[in-house]
Amino acid sequence: MARPADAAWQRSAKLWSTLSEICDLLHIHCAGLALESDSAFQHVQFKSGQRIHTIGQPFDMLYIVNSGFLKTVMIDESGNEQVLSFPMRGDLFGIDGIHNKHYTSEAVALSSCDIILVPFKKFLALGRAHPELETAIYSVMSRELVREQAMVGMLGSLSAEARVARFLVPLSDRFGAMGYSNKEFNLRMTRHEIGSYLGLTLETVSRTFSAFNEIGLIAVDQRAIIINDIGALRTLRRLPPSRARIKQQAQIQAQAAAMTQAAAIAANTQGVR
């Protein structure tokens, strides 16, 4: 039985999007194409844990995230999962199926999701009729590839702490771009999934979050994250040794205590007057 929140989400979910709305979602320009009579694209809703497509499934569809959060993964012969990406609103996925007509990854919903279906044959037909649209979609595909290449480069050159920091920064930026707070948000993925994505163990990710919390870069409560110093996260290379962090934390606490004491003295002084 659907929970009230799920039922409300299903009632508010869209059924179709126009080509113009698709272009806006992907941040590409396609003025004048919204009048095409066959340019409506179906929405399908998925609940957390449901699979959008599976490895080896015949390819016939591209997917666009209208709302919600997902992960794409590869699974080896032993059943081990490697997280490839965390698609969210405005992301295009499923392009790995173009090469050999079968999906080589699996897409799984991490929350309730509203996914727009783009039949590949329909995309090709629109591309033939409107070359500028085809070029724009290929640009979006290239954008996804560049993002993956940047991640591969990061894994080979940065420390564990820097990897976690670089994971939080673009996530913060994406939330801000979607109109949400870029300082306070909930992680939809687990520490294990983050570790798989970054090439780190669960323990390393958890320890790094705790260290960031200790020195005040973030405040963390399970999956709830508050970004306190986005600038430091953008440039972080390595954390200071644990002793230095303890000393830094003590200094922060001492400063906070001094400010509290000063405020109390000021309040008492005003009361005397």
C-alpha atoms as a PDB file:
ATOM      1  CA  MET A   1       0.000   0.000   0.000  1.00  0.00           C
ATOM      2  CA  ALA A   2       1.381   3.396  -0.956  1.00  0.00           C
ATOM      3  CA  ARG A   3       2.294   5.765   1.847  1.00  0.00           C
ATOM      4  CA  PRO A   4       0.599   9.211   1.828  1.00  0.00           C
ATOM      5  CA  ALA A   5       3.812  10.873   0.617  1.00  0.00           C
ATOM      6  CA  ASP A   6       4.166   8.330  -2.186  1.00  0.00           C
ATOM      7  CA  ALA A   7       0.527   8.768  -3.220  1.00  0.00           C
ATOM      8  CA  ALA A   8       0.888  12.556  -3.311  1.00  0.00           C
ATOM      9  CA  TRP A   9       4.055  12.226  -5.372  1.00  0.00           C
ATOM     10  CA  GLN A  10       2.337   9.901  -7.853  1.00  0.00           C
ATOM     11  CA  ARG A  11      -0.629  12.270  -8.233  1.00  0.00           C
ATOM     12  CA  SER A  12       1.662  15.236  -8.897  1.00  0.00           C
ATOM     13  CA  ALA A  13       3.963  13.374 -11.300  1.00  0.00           C
ATOM     14  CA  LYS A  14       3.851  14.428 -14.948  1.00  0.00           C
ATOM     15  CA  LEU A  15       2.681  12.057 -17.674  1.00  0.00           C
ATOM     16  CA  TRP A  16       4.235  13.714 -20.743  1.00  0.00           C
ATOM     17  CA  SER A  17       6.767  16.428 -21.612  1.00  0.00           C
ATOM     18  CA  THR A  18       7.095  18.436 -24.786  1.00  0.00           C
ATOM     19  CA  LEU A  19      10.320  18.693 -26.743  1.00  0.00           C
ATOM     20  CA  SER A  20      10.717  22.257 -25.518  1.00  0.00           C
ATOM     21  CA  GLU A  21      10.478  21.094 -21.890  1.00  0.00           C
ATOM     22  CA  ILE A  22      13.055  18.376 -22.582  1.00  0.00           C
ATOM     23  CA  CYS A  23      15.449  20.955 -24.021  1.00  0.00           C
ATOM     24  CA  ASP A  24      15.000  23.210 -20.992  1.00  0.00           C
ATOM     25  CA  LEU A  25      15.668  20.294 -18.661  1.00  0.00           C
ATOM     26  CA  LEU A  26      18.882  19.393 -20.512  1.00  0.00           C
ATOM     27  CA  HIS A  27      19.917  23.082 -20.754  1.00  0.00           C
ATOM     28  CA  ILE A  28      20.060  23.075 -24.548  1.00  0.00           C
ATOM     29  CA  HIS A  29      18.526  25.465 -27.093  1.00  0.00           C
ATOM     30  CA  CYS A  30      15.805  24.139 -29.383  1.00  0.00           C
ATOM     31  CA  ALA A  31      13.537  27.119 -30.023  1.00  0.00           C
ATOM     32  CA  GLY A  32      10.748  26.447 -32.477  1.00  0.00           C
ATOM     33  CA  LEU A  33      10.800  22.654 -32.125  1.00  0.00           C
ATOM     34  CA  ALA A  34       8.013  22.432 -29.533  1.00  0.00           C
ATOM     35  CA  LEU A  35       5.330  22.596 -32.258  1.00  0.00           C
ATOM     36  CA  GLU A  36       6.204  19.144 -33.587  1.00  0.00           C
ATOM     37  CA  SER A  37       3.066  17.005 -33.328  1.00  0.00           C
ATOM     38  CA  ASP A  38       4.999  13.875 -32.317  1.00  0.00           C
ATOM     39  CA  SER A  39       7.360  15.521 -29.846  1.00  0.00           C
ATOM     40  CA  ALA A  40       5.735  14.393 -26.594  1.00  0.00           C
ATOM     41  CA  PHE A  41       7.813  12.183 -24.301  1.00  0.00           C
ATOM     42  CA  GLN A  42       6.375   9.842 -21.695  1.00  0.00           C
ATOM     43  CA  HIS A  43       7.191   9.974 -17.988  1.00  0.00           C
ATOM     44  CA  VAL A  44       7.492   6.819 -15.880  1.00  0.00           C
ATOM     45  CA  GLN A  45       7.662   6.798 -12.089  1.00  0.00           C
ATOM     46  CA  PHE A  46       9.945   4.498 -10.119  1.00  0.00           C
ATOM     47  CA  LYS A  47      10.190   3.874  -6.393  1.00  0.00           C
ATOM     48  CA  SER A  48      13.413   3.585  -4.417  1.00  0.00           C
ATOM     49  CA  GLY A  49      15.148   0.301  -5.200  1.00  0.00           C
ATOM     50  CA  GLN A  50      13.482  -0.243  -8.567  1.00  0.00           C
ATOM     51  CA  ARG A  51      15.613  -0.777 -11.668  1.00  0.00           C
ATOM     52  CA  ILE A  52      15.159   1.446 -14.693  1.00  0.00           C
ATOM     53  CA  HIS A  53      17.239  -0.810 -16.937  1.00  0.00           C
ATOM     54  CA  THR A  54      19.485  -3.811 -16.324  1.00  0.00           C
ATOM     55  CA  ILE A  55      22.804  -5.057 -17.661  1.00  0.00           C
ATOM     56  CA  GLY A  56      22.363  -6.951 -20.931  1.00  0.00           C
ATOM     57  CA  GLN A  57      18.882  -5.576 -21.562  1.00  0.00           C
ATOM     58  CA  PRO A  58      18.360  -4.715 -25.252  1.00  0.00           C
ATOM     59  CA  PHE A  59      18.902  -1.011 -25.876  1.00  0.00           C
ATOM     60  CA  ASP A  60      16.046   1.023 -27.277  1.00  0.00           C
ATOM     61  CA  MET A  61      15.706   3.975 -24.912  1.00  0.00           C
ATOM     62  CA  LEU A  62      17.545   6.963 -23.500  1.00  0.00           C
ATOM     63  CA  TYR A  63      16.466   8.298 -20.116  1.00  0.00           C
ATOM     64  CA  ILE A  64      16.324  11.782 -18.595  1.00  0.00           C
ATOM     65  CA  VAL A  65      15.918  12.414 -14.870  1.00  0.00           C
ATOM     66  CA  ASN A  66      13.061  14.827 -14.230  1.00  0.00           C
ATOM     67  CA  SER A  67      13.163  14.355 -10.454  1.00  0.00           C
ATOM     68  CA  GLY A  68      14.752  12.023  -7.936  1.00  0.00           C
ATOM     69  CA  PHE A  69      18.139  10.381  -7.528  1.00  0.00           C
ATOM     70  CA  LEU A  70      19.633   7.243  -9.043  1.00  0.00           C
ATOM     71  CA  LYS A  71      22.823   5.280  -9.299  1.00  0.00           C
ATOM     72  CA  THR A  72      24.279   3.512 -12.309  1.00  0.00           C
ATOM     73  CA  VAL A  73      26.412   0.474 -11.594  1.00  0.00           C
ATOM     74  CA  MET A  74      28.404  -2.290 -13.203  1.00  0.00           C
ATOM     75  CA  ILE A  75      28.297  -5.741 -11.624  1.00  0.00           C
ATOM     76  CA  ASP A  76      31.087  -8.286 -12.094  1.00  0.00           C
ATOM     77  CA  GLU A  77      30.761 -12.062 -12.332  1.00  0.00           C
ATOM     78  CA  SER A  78      31.079 -12.370  -8.539  1.00  0.00           C
ATOM     79  CA  GLY A  79      28.233  -9.958  -7.961  1.00  0.00           C
ATOM     80  CA  ASN A  80      30.425  -7.082  -6.819  1.00  0.00           C
ATOM     81  CA  GLU A  81      28.954  -3.683  -7.606  1.00  0.00           C
ATOM     82  CA  GLN A  82      30.915  -0.708  -8.949  1.00  0.00           C
ATOM     83  CA  VAL A  83      29.030   2.600  -8.839  1.00  0.00           C
ATOM     84  CA  LEU A  84      29.581   4.625 -12.020  1.00  0.00           C
ATOM     85  CA  SER A  85      27.440   7.715 -11.443  1.00  0.00           C
ATOM     86  CA  PHE A  86      24.625   9.280  -9.446  1.00  0.00           C
ATOM     87  CA  PRO A  87      22.206  10.767 -12.016  1.00  0.00           C
ATOM     88  CA  MET A  88      19.894  13.515 -10.785  1.00  0.00           C
ATOM     89  CA  ARG A  89      17.588  16.116 -12.312  1.00  0.00           C
ATOM     90  CA  GLY A  90      18.650  17.125 -15.830  1.00  0.00           C
ATOM     91  CA  ASP A  91      20.985  14.162 -16.365  1.00  0.00           C
ATOM     92  CA  LEU A  92      20.817  11.880 -19.401  1.00  0.00           C
ATOM     93  CA  PHE A  93      21.651   8.201 -18.957  1.00  0.00           C
ATOM     94  CA  GLY A  94      21.437   4.953 -20.880  1.00  0.00           C
ATOM     95  CA  ILE A  95      23.916   6.063 -23.535  1.00  0.00           C
ATOM     96  CA  ASP A  96      26.156   3.053 -22.781  1.00  0.00           C
ATOM     97  CA  GLY A  97      23.648   0.946 -24.706  1.00  0.00           C
ATOM     98  CA  ILE A  98      24.258   2.696 -28.025  1.00  0.00           C
ATOM     99  CA  HIS A  99      27.537   0.896 -28.793  1.00  0.00           C
ATOM    100  CA  ASN A 100      26.435  -2.758 -28.925  1.00  0.00           C
ATOM    101  CA  LYS A 101      22.654  -2.319 -28.585  1.00  0.00           C
ATOM    102  CA  HIS A 102      22.658  -3.662 -25.015  1.00  0.00           C
ATOM    103  CA  TYR A 103      23.033  -1.757 -21.749  1.00  0.00           C
ATOM    104  CA  THR A 104      26.361  -2.442 -20.084  1.00  0.00           C
ATOM    105  CA  SER A 105      25.298  -0.885 -16.776  1.00  0.00           C
ATOM    106  CA  GLU A 106      22.299  -0.998 -14.472  1.00  0.00           C
ATOM    107  CA  ALA A 107      20.322   2.039 -13.304  1.00  0.00           C
ATOM    108  CA  VAL A 108      18.650   1.870  -9.878  1.00  0.00           C
ATOM    109  CA  ALA A 109      16.419   4.451  -8.181  1.00  0.00           C
ATOM    110  CA  LEU A 110      17.765   5.754  -4.860  1.00  0.00           C
ATOM    111  CA  SER A 111      14.540   7.646  -4.189  1.00  0.00           C
ATOM    112  CA  SER A 112      11.151   8.088  -5.818  1.00  0.00           C
ATOM    113  CA  CYS A 113      12.023   9.109  -9.370  1.00  0.00           C
ATOM    114  CA  ASP A 114      10.257  10.634 -12.345  1.00  0.00           C
ATOM    115  CA  ILE A 115      12.052   9.496 -15.496  1.00  0.00           C
ATOM    116  CA  ILE A 116      11.423  10.727 -19.040  1.00  0.00           C
ATOM    117  CA  LEU A 117      11.679   8.103 -21.780  1.00  0.00           C
ATOM    118  CA  VAL A 118      13.351   9.073 -25.061  1.00  0.00           C
ATOM    119  CA  PRO A 119      12.985   6.241 -27.629  1.00  0.00           C
ATOM    120  CA  PHE A 120      16.244   6.118 -29.566  1.00  0.00           C
ATOM    121  CA  LYS A 121      14.470   5.693 -32.915  1.00  0.00           C
ATOM    122  CA  LYS A 122      12.450   8.811 -32.172  1.00  0.00           C
ATOM    123  CA  PHE A 123      15.630  10.676 -31.274  1.00  0.00           C
ATOM    124  CA  LEU A 124      17.233   9.634 -34.575  1.00  0.00           C
ATOM    125  CA  ALA A 125      14.150  10.760 -36.520  1.00  0.00           C
ATOM    126  CA  LEU A 126      14.156  14.142 -34.770  1.00  0.00           C
ATOM    127  CA  GLY A 127      17.877  14.423 -35.440  1.00  0.00           C
ATOM    128  CA  ARG A 128      17.376  13.886 -39.155  1.00  0.00           C
ATOM    129  CA  ALA A 129      14.646  16.520 -39.225  1.00  0.00           C
ATOM    130  CA  HIS A 130      16.505  18.977 -36.983  1.00  0.00           C
ATOM    131  CA  PRO A 131      20.322  18.623 -37.181  1.00  0.00           C
ATOM    132  CA  GLU A 132      20.784  21.362 -34.587  1.00  0.00           C
ATOM    133  CA  LEU A 133      18.852  19.284 -32.047  1.00  0.00           C
ATOM    134  CA  GLU A 134      20.942  16.209 -32.815  1.00  0.00           C
ATOM    135  CA  THR A 135      24.127  18.211 -32.288  1.00  0.00           C
ATOM    136  CA  ALA A 136      22.816  19.550 -28.986  1.00  0.00           C
ATOM    137  CA  ILE A 137      21.944  16.067 -27.698  1.00  0.00           C
ATOM    138  CA  TYR A 138      25.386  14.777 -28.659  1.00  0.00           C
ATOM    139  CA  SER A 139      26.817  17.712 -26.715  1.00  0.00           C
ATOM    140  CA  VAL A 140      24.862  16.538 -23.663  1.00  0.00           C
ATOM    141  CA  MET A 141      26.237  13.017 -24.139  1.00  0.00           C
ATOM    142  CA  SER A 142      29.740  14.452 -24.376  1.00  0.00           C
ATOM    143  CA  ARG A 143      29.128  16.397 -21.171  1.00  0.00           C
ATOM    144  CA  GLU A 144      28.360  13.141 -19.363  1.00  0.00           C
ATOM    145  CA  LEU A 145      31.514  11.541 -20.797  1.00  0.00           C
ATOM    146  CA  VAL A 146      33.672  14.481 -19.712  1.00  0.00           C
ATOM    147  CA  ARG A 147      32.251  14.212 -16.204  1.00  0.00           C
ATOM    148  CA  GLU A 148      33.171  10.520 -16.054  1.00  0.00           C
ATOM    149  CA  GLN A 149      36.670  11.221 -17.373  1.00  0.00           C
ATOM    150  CA  ALA A 150      37.161  13.892 -14.709  1.00  0.00           C
ATOM    151  CA  MET A 151      36.203  11.344 -12.071  1.00  0.00           C
ATOM    152  CA  VAL A 152      38.696   8.788 -13.404  1.00  0.00           C
ATOM    153  CA  GLY A 153      41.437  11.413 -13.370  1.00  0.00           C
ATOM    154  CA  MET A 154      40.555  12.395  -9.817  1.00  0.00           C
ATOM    155  CA  LEU A 155      40.736   8.810  -8.566  1.00  0.00           C
ATOM    156  CA  GLY A 156      44.278   8.477  -9.787  1.00  0.00           C
ATOM    157  CA  SER A 157      45.672  11.732  -8.422  1.00  0.00           C
ATOM    158  CA  LEU A 158      43.925  12.785  -5.210  1.00  0.00           C
ATOM    159  CA  SER A 159      44.029  11.620  -1.620  1.00  0.00           C
ATOM    160  CA  ALA A 160      41.027   9.946  -0.022  1.00  0.00           C
ATOM    161  CA  GLU A 161      40.087  13.157   1.794  1.00  0.00           C
ATOM    162  CA  ALA A 162      40.308  15.205  -1.408  1.00  0.00           C
ATOM    163  CA  ARG A 163      38.126  12.681  -3.262  1.00  0.00           C
ATOM    164  CA  VAL A 164      35.373  12.982  -0.657  1.00  0.00           C
ATOM    165  CA  ALA A 165      35.672  16.776  -0.718  1.00  0.00           C
ATOM    166  CA  ARG A 166      35.439  16.848  -4.528  1.00  0.00           C
ATOM    167  CA  PHE A 167      32.384  14.614  -4.296  1.00  0.00           C
ATOM    168  CA  LEU A 168      30.586  17.028  -1.970  1.00  0.00           C
ATOM    169  CA  VAL A 169      31.434  20.195  -3.925  1.00  0.00           C
ATOM    170  CA  PRO A 170      29.714  19.371  -7.252  1.00  0.00           C
ATOM    171  CA  LEU A 171      26.824  17.831  -5.331  1.00  0.00           C
ATOM    172  CA  SER A 172      26.402  21.122  -3.476  1.00  0.00           C
ATOM    173  CA  ASP A 173      26.616  23.010  -6.775  1.00  0.00           C
ATOM    174  CA  ARG A 174      23.986  20.760  -8.364  1.00  0.00           C
ATOM    175  CA  PHE A 175      21.542  21.259  -5.499  1.00  0.00           C
ATOM    176  CA  GLY A 176      22.031  25.013  -5.795  1.00  0.00           C
ATOM    177  CA  ALA A 177      21.453  24.920  -9.562  1.00  0.00           C
ATOM    178  CA  MET A 178      18.170  23.071  -9.012  1.00  0.00           C
ATOM    179  CA  GLY A 179      16.931  25.803  -6.693  1.00  0.00           C
ATOM    180  CA  TYR A 180      17.552  23.948  -3.435  1.00  0.00           C
ATOM    181  CA  SER A 181      19.923  24.890  -0.642  1.00  0.00           C
ATOM    182  CA  ASN A 182      23.538  24.266  -1.606  1.00  0.00           C
ATOM    183  CA  LYS A 183      24.554  24.267   2.044  1.00  0.00           C
ATOM    184  CA  GLU A 184      22.067  21.846   3.617  1.00  0.00           C
ATOM    185  CA  PHE A 185      20.946  18.640   1.916  1.00  0.00           C
ATOM    186  CA  ASN A 186      20.436  14.921   2.459  1.00  0.00           C
ATOM    187  CA  LEU A 187      22.610  12.334   0.779  1.00  0.00           C
ATOM    188  CA  ARG A 188      20.477   9.779  -1.040  1.00  0.00           C
ATOM    189  CA  MET A 189      23.346   7.348  -1.381  1.00  0.00           C
ATOM    190  CA  THR A 190      24.964   5.276   1.378  1.00  0.00           C
ATOM    191  CA  ARG A 191      28.557   5.621   2.558  1.00  0.00           C
ATOM    192  CA  HIS A 192      29.246   2.282   0.870  1.00  0.00           C
ATOM    193  CA  GLU A 193      27.916   3.585  -2.467  1.00  0.00           C
ATOM    194  CA  ILE A 194      29.979   6.759  -2.147  1.00  0.00           C
ATOM    195  CA  GLY A 195      33.036   4.634  -1.460  1.00  0.00           C
ATOM    196  CA  SER A 196      32.367   2.458  -4.493  1.00  0.00           C
ATOM    197  CA  TYR A 197      32.055   5.568  -6.647  1.00  0.00           C
ATOM    198  CA  LEU A 198      35.256   7.130  -5.286  1.00  0.00           C
ATOM    199  CA  GLY A 199      37.336   3.953  -5.089  1.00  0.00           C
ATOM    200  CA  LEU A 200      37.377   4.015  -1.273  1.00  0.00           C
ATOM    201  CA  THR A 201      36.244   1.695   1.482  1.00  0.00           C
ATOM    202  CA  LEU A 202      33.155   2.334   3.565  1.00  0.00           C
ATOM    203  CA  GLU A 203      35.373   2.871   6.604  1.00  0.00           C
ATOM    204  CA  THR A 204      37.493   5.480   4.829  1.00  0.00           C
ATOM    205  CA  VAL A 205      34.450   7.457   3.705  1.00  0.00           C
ATOM    206  CA  SER A 206      32.916   7.371   7.190  1.00  0.00           C
ATOM    207  CA  ARG A 207      36.228   8.365   8.805  1.00  0.00           C
ATOM    208  CA  THR A 208      36.669  11.247   6.360  1.00  0.00           C
ATOM    209  CA  PHE A 209      33.166  12.582   6.998  1.00  0.00           C
ATOM    210  CA  SER A 210      33.888  12.460  10.729  1.00  0.00           C
ATOM    211  CA  ALA A 211      37.186  14.288  10.235  1.00  0.00           C
ATOM    212  CA  PHE A 212      35.495  16.996   8.130  1.00  0.00           C
ATOM    213  CA  ASN A 213      32.917  17.342  10.885  1.00  0.00           C
ATOM    214  CA  GLU A 214      35.616  17.637  13.570  1.00  0.00           C
ATOM    215  CA  ILE A 215      37.440  20.521  11.904  1.00  0.00           C
ATOM    216  CA  GLY A 216      34.242  22.323  10.956  1.00  0.00           C
ATOM    217  CA  LEU A 217      34.247  21.923   7.179  1.00  0.00           C
ATOM    218  CA  ILE A 218      30.850  20.245   7.373  1.00  0.00           C
ATOM    219  CA  ALA A 219      28.292  19.229   9.967  1.00  0.00           C
ATOM    220  CA  VAL A 220      27.040  15.696   9.470  1.00  0.00           C
ATOM    221  CA  ASP A 221      24.194  13.738  11.030  1.00  0.00           C
ATOM    222  CA  GLN A 222      23.872  10.399   9.284  1.00  0.00           C
ATOM    223  CA  ARG A 223      22.807  11.406   5.738  1.00  0.00           C
ATOM    224  CA  ALA A 224      22.111  15.059   6.576  1.00  0.00           C
ATOM    225  CA  ILE A 225      24.962  17.345   5.475  1.00  0.00           C
ATOM    226  CA  ILE A 226      25.587  21.016   6.226  1.00  0.00           C
ATOM    227  CA  ILE A 227      28.406  22.621   4.223  1.00  0.00           C
ATOM    228  CA  ASN A 228      30.242  25.139   6.400  1.00  0.00           C
ATOM    229  CA  ASP A 229      33.257  25.936   4.204  1.00  0.00           C
ATOM    230  CA  ILE A 230      32.756  25.179   0.520  1.00  0.00           C
ATOM    231  CA  GLY A 231      35.914  27.089  -0.396  1.00  0.00           C
ATOM    232  CA  ALA A 232      38.091  24.855   1.768  1.00  0.00           C
ATOM    233  CA  LEU A 233      36.467  21.741   0.306  1.00  0.00           C
ATOM    234  CA  ARG A 234      37.174  22.953  -3.245  1.00  0.00           C
ATOM    235  CA  THR A 235      40.899  23.324  -2.568  1.00  0.00           C
ATOM    236  CA  LEU A 236      41.518  20.615   0.023  1.00  0.00           C
ATOM    237  CA  ARG A 237      44.394  18.290  -0.794  1.00  0.00           C
ATOM    238  CA  ARG A 238      44.967  16.469   2.488  1.00  0.00           C
ATOM    239  CA  LEU A 239      43.750  16.755   6.043  1.00  0.00           C
ATOM    240  CA  PRO A 240      46.238  17.859   8.708  1.00  0.00           C
ATOM    241  CA  PRO A 241      47.565  15.080  11.001  1.00  0.00           C
ATOM    242  CA  SER A 242      45.156  13.961  13.712  1.00  0.00           C
ATOM    243  CA  ARG A 243      47.053  15.813  16.455  1.00  0.00           C
ATOM    244  CA  ALA A 244      46.846  19.038  14.492  1.00  0.00           C
ATOM    245  CA  ARG A 245      43.117  18.469  13.936  1.00  0.00           C
ATOM    246  CA  ILE A 246      42.599  17.948  17.659  1.00  0.00           C
ATOM    247  CA  LYS A 247      44.479  21.161  18.386  1.00  0.00           C
ATOM    248  CA  GLN A 248      42.492  23.023  15.735  1.00  0.00           C
ATOM    249  CA  GLN A 249      39.231  21.717  17.149  1.00  0.00           C
ATOM    250  CA  ALA A 250      40.281  22.814  20.636  1.00  0.00           C
ATOM    251  CA  GLN A 251      41.015  26.297  19.296  1.00  0.00           C
ATOM    252  CA  ILE A 252      37.590  26.457  17.630  1.00  0.00           C
ATOM    253  CA  GLN A 253      35.902  25.389  20.870  1.00  0.00           C
ATOM    254  CA  ALA A 254      37.923  27.912  22.874  1.00  0.00           C
ATOM    255  CA  GLN A 255      36.954  30.691  20.471  1.00  0.00           C
ATOM    256  CA  ALA A 256      33.294  29.697  20.714  1.00  0.00           C
ATOM    257  CA  ALA A 257      33.472  29.642  24.501  1.00  0.00           C
ATOM    258  CA  ALA A 258      35.146  33.071  24.545  1.00  0.00           C
ATOM    259  CA  MET A 259      32.440  34.505  22.292  1.00  0.00           C
ATOM    260  CA  THR A 260      29.723  33.043  24.514  1.00  0.00           C
ATOM    261  CA  GLN A 261      31.394  34.475  27.621  1.00  0.00           C
ATOM    262  CA  ALA A 262      31.771  37.888  25.972  1.00  0.00           C
ATOM    263  CA  ALA A 263      28.110  37.878  24.987  1.00  0.00           C
ATOM    264  CA  ALA A 264      27.092  37.003  28.546  1.00  0.00           C
ATOM    265  CA  ILE A 265      29.243  39.808  29.987  1.00  0.00           C
ATOM    266  CA  ALA A 266      27.758  42.275  27.506  1.00  0.00           C
ATOM    267  CA  ALA A 267      24.225  41.173  28.422  1.00  0.00           C
ATOM    268  CA  ASN A 268      24.963  41.556  32.153  1.00  0.00           C
ATOM    269  CA  THR A 269      26.457  45.000  31.587  1.00  0.00           C
ATOM    270  CA  GLN A 270      23.357  46.163  29.725  1.00  0.00           C
ATOM    271  CA  GLY A 271      21.222  44.767  32.546  1.00  0.00           C
ATOM    272  CA  VAL A 272      23.111  46.777  35.163  1.00  0.00           C
ATOM    273  CA  ARG A 273      22.613  49.948  33.150  1.00  0.00           C
END
